[in-house]
């Protein structure tokens, strides 16, 4: 039998490769809003550690925000949208 490894994905903020189950999968929709992944289109992953650090420390908040600006190709209130998503997901 083949030994199957767990799928690894990369966090867009810290660029570390982590198990897929430990990451939050998001996407930007047509209106440039952050939404949970809807099973179609491009998506990206953010690790829980980067999210927790961004919500507690101001320096890491800026890094997360800049990454979301780059990924979604727009400047918007992504941290607020991320907090809304986290309250509905968990």
C-alpha atoms as a PDB file:
ATOM      1  CA  UNK A   1       0.000   0.000   0.000  1.00  0.00           C
ATOM      2  CA  UNK A   2       1.124   3.502  -0.751  1.00  0.00           C
ATOM      3  CA  UNK A   3       1.758   5.840   2.133  1.00  0.00           C
ATOM      4  CA  UNK A   4      -0.337   8.926   1.438  1.00  0.00           C
ATOM      5  CA  UNK A   5       0.748  12.165   2.979  1.00  0.00           C
ATOM      6  CA  UNK A   6      -1.596  14.851   4.239  1.00  0.00           C
ATOM      7  CA  UNK A   7      -2.015  17.710   1.755  1.00  0.00           C
ATOM      8  CA  UNK A   8       0.157  20.715   2.547  1.00  0.00           C
ATOM      9  CA  UNK A   9      -0.848  24.244   1.595  1.00  0.00           C
ATOM     10  CA  UNK A  10       0.982  27.548   1.965  1.00  0.00           C
ATOM     11  CA  UNK A  11      -0.214  30.464   4.072  1.00  0.00           C
ATOM     12  CA  UNK A  12      -0.164  33.650   1.966  1.00  0.00           C
ATOM     13  CA  UNK A  13       0.983  35.756   4.935  1.00  0.00           C
ATOM     14  CA  UNK A  14       3.865  33.826   6.534  1.00  0.00           C
ATOM     15  CA  UNK A  15       4.584  31.514   3.532  1.00  0.00           C
ATOM     16  CA  UNK A  16       4.834  28.428   5.758  1.00  0.00           C
ATOM     17  CA  UNK A  17       3.570  25.066   4.532  1.00  0.00           C
ATOM     18  CA  UNK A  18       0.963  23.658   6.906  1.00  0.00           C
ATOM     19  CA  UNK A  19      -1.597  20.887   6.847  1.00  0.00           C
ATOM     20  CA  UNK A  20      -4.710  21.882   4.922  1.00  0.00           C
ATOM     21  CA  UNK A  21      -6.966  21.276   7.951  1.00  0.00           C
ATOM     22  CA  UNK A  22      -5.144  23.933   9.993  1.00  0.00           C
ATOM     23  CA  UNK A  23      -5.740  26.701   7.460  1.00  0.00           C
ATOM     24  CA  UNK A  24      -8.674  28.974   6.684  1.00  0.00           C
ATOM     25  CA  UNK A  25      -9.582  29.016   2.984  1.00  0.00           C
ATOM     26  CA  UNK A  26     -10.882  32.314   1.613  1.00  0.00           C
ATOM     27  CA  UNK A  27     -11.495  33.953  -1.733  1.00  0.00           C
ATOM     28  CA  UNK A  28     -12.235  37.405  -3.116  1.00  0.00           C
ATOM     29  CA  UNK A  29     -15.511  37.639  -5.020  1.00  0.00           C
ATOM     30  CA  UNK A  30     -16.335  39.898  -7.955  1.00  0.00           C
ATOM     31  CA  UNK A  31     -17.200  42.822  -5.667  1.00  0.00           C
ATOM     32  CA  UNK A  32     -13.713  42.603  -4.118  1.00  0.00           C
ATOM     33  CA  UNK A  33     -15.109  41.300  -0.814  1.00  0.00           C
ATOM     34  CA  UNK A  34     -13.574  38.565   1.293  1.00  0.00           C
ATOM     35  CA  UNK A  35     -15.758  35.464   1.512  1.00  0.00           C
ATOM     36  CA  UNK A  36     -15.238  31.845   2.594  1.00  0.00           C
ATOM     37  CA  UNK A  37     -14.375  29.543  -0.291  1.00  0.00           C
ATOM     38  CA  UNK A  38     -17.455  28.631  -2.386  1.00  0.00           C
ATOM     39  CA  UNK A  39     -16.041  25.604  -4.270  1.00  0.00           C
ATOM     40  CA  UNK A  40     -15.244  27.535  -7.438  1.00  0.00           C
ATOM     41  CA  UNK A  41     -12.758  30.214  -8.456  1.00  0.00           C
ATOM     42  CA  UNK A  42      -9.360  31.154  -7.078  1.00  0.00           C
ATOM     43  CA  UNK A  43      -8.763  30.916  -3.363  1.00  0.00           C
ATOM     44  CA  UNK A  44      -5.991  31.328  -0.806  1.00  0.00           C
ATOM     45  CA  UNK A  45      -5.148  30.071   2.665  1.00  0.00           C
ATOM     46  CA  UNK A  46      -4.344  31.894   5.901  1.00  0.00           C
ATOM     47  CA  UNK A  47      -3.055  30.045   8.961  1.00  0.00           C
ATOM     48  CA  UNK A  48      -4.687  30.447  12.353  1.00  0.00           C
ATOM     49  CA  UNK A  49      -1.460  31.760  13.866  1.00  0.00           C
ATOM     50  CA  UNK A  50      -1.293  34.680  11.412  1.00  0.00           C
ATOM     51  CA  UNK A  51      -4.947  35.496  12.055  1.00  0.00           C
ATOM     52  CA  UNK A  52      -4.522  35.447  15.837  1.00  0.00           C
ATOM     53  CA  UNK A  53      -1.336  37.548  15.655  1.00  0.00           C
ATOM     54  CA  UNK A  54      -3.006  40.092  13.376  1.00  0.00           C
ATOM     55  CA  UNK A  55      -5.980  40.470  15.678  1.00  0.00           C
ATOM     56  CA  UNK A  56      -3.762  41.041  18.737  1.00  0.00           C
ATOM     57  CA  UNK A  57      -0.693  42.895  17.444  1.00  0.00           C
ATOM     58  CA  UNK A  58      -0.749  46.040  15.325  1.00  0.00           C
ATOM     59  CA  UNK A  59       2.474  45.203  13.428  1.00  0.00           C
ATOM     60  CA  UNK A  60       1.154  41.843  12.234  1.00  0.00           C
ATOM     61  CA  UNK A  61      -2.199  43.421  11.383  1.00  0.00           C
ATOM     62  CA  UNK A  62      -0.468  45.637   8.848  1.00  0.00           C
ATOM     63  CA  UNK A  63       1.332  42.659   7.287  1.00  0.00           C
ATOM     64  CA  UNK A  64      -1.932  40.700   6.950  1.00  0.00           C
ATOM     65  CA  UNK A  65      -3.685  43.716   5.494  1.00  0.00           C
ATOM     66  CA  UNK A  66      -0.952  44.275   2.898  1.00  0.00           C
ATOM     67  CA  UNK A  67      -1.080  40.612   1.916  1.00  0.00           C
ATOM     68  CA  UNK A  68      -4.848  40.768   1.459  1.00  0.00           C
ATOM     69  CA  UNK A  69      -4.450  43.931  -0.649  1.00  0.00           C
ATOM     70  CA  UNK A  70      -2.006  42.061  -2.899  1.00  0.00           C
ATOM     71  CA  UNK A  71      -4.095  38.895  -3.168  1.00  0.00           C
ATOM     72  CA  UNK A  72      -7.430  40.647  -3.784  1.00  0.00           C
ATOM     73  CA  UNK A  73      -5.888  43.432  -5.914  1.00  0.00           C
ATOM     74  CA  UNK A  74      -7.866  46.117  -4.121  1.00  0.00           C
ATOM     75  CA  UNK A  75      -7.637  48.244  -0.976  1.00  0.00           C
ATOM     76  CA  UNK A  76     -10.611  47.659   1.260  1.00  0.00           C
ATOM     77  CA  UNK A  77     -11.446  46.995   4.913  1.00  0.00           C
ATOM     78  CA  UNK A  78     -10.295  43.367   4.826  1.00  0.00           C
ATOM     79  CA  UNK A  79      -9.542  43.031   8.534  1.00  0.00           C
ATOM     80  CA  UNK A  80     -13.149  43.896   9.404  1.00  0.00           C
ATOM     81  CA  UNK A  81     -14.419  41.438   6.784  1.00  0.00           C
ATOM     82  CA  UNK A  82     -12.064  38.759   8.128  1.00  0.00           C
ATOM     83  CA  UNK A  83     -13.422  39.235  11.662  1.00  0.00           C
ATOM     84  CA  UNK A  84     -16.971  38.846  10.348  1.00  0.00           C
ATOM     85  CA  UNK A  85     -16.032  35.646   8.524  1.00  0.00           C
ATOM     86  CA  UNK A  86     -14.328  34.218  11.621  1.00  0.00           C
ATOM     87  CA  UNK A  87     -17.373  34.833  13.799  1.00  0.00           C
ATOM     88  CA  UNK A  88     -19.585  32.970  11.326  1.00  0.00           C
ATOM     89  CA  UNK A  89     -17.143  30.152  10.545  1.00  0.00           C
ATOM     90  CA  UNK A  90     -16.189  29.108  14.069  1.00  0.00           C
END
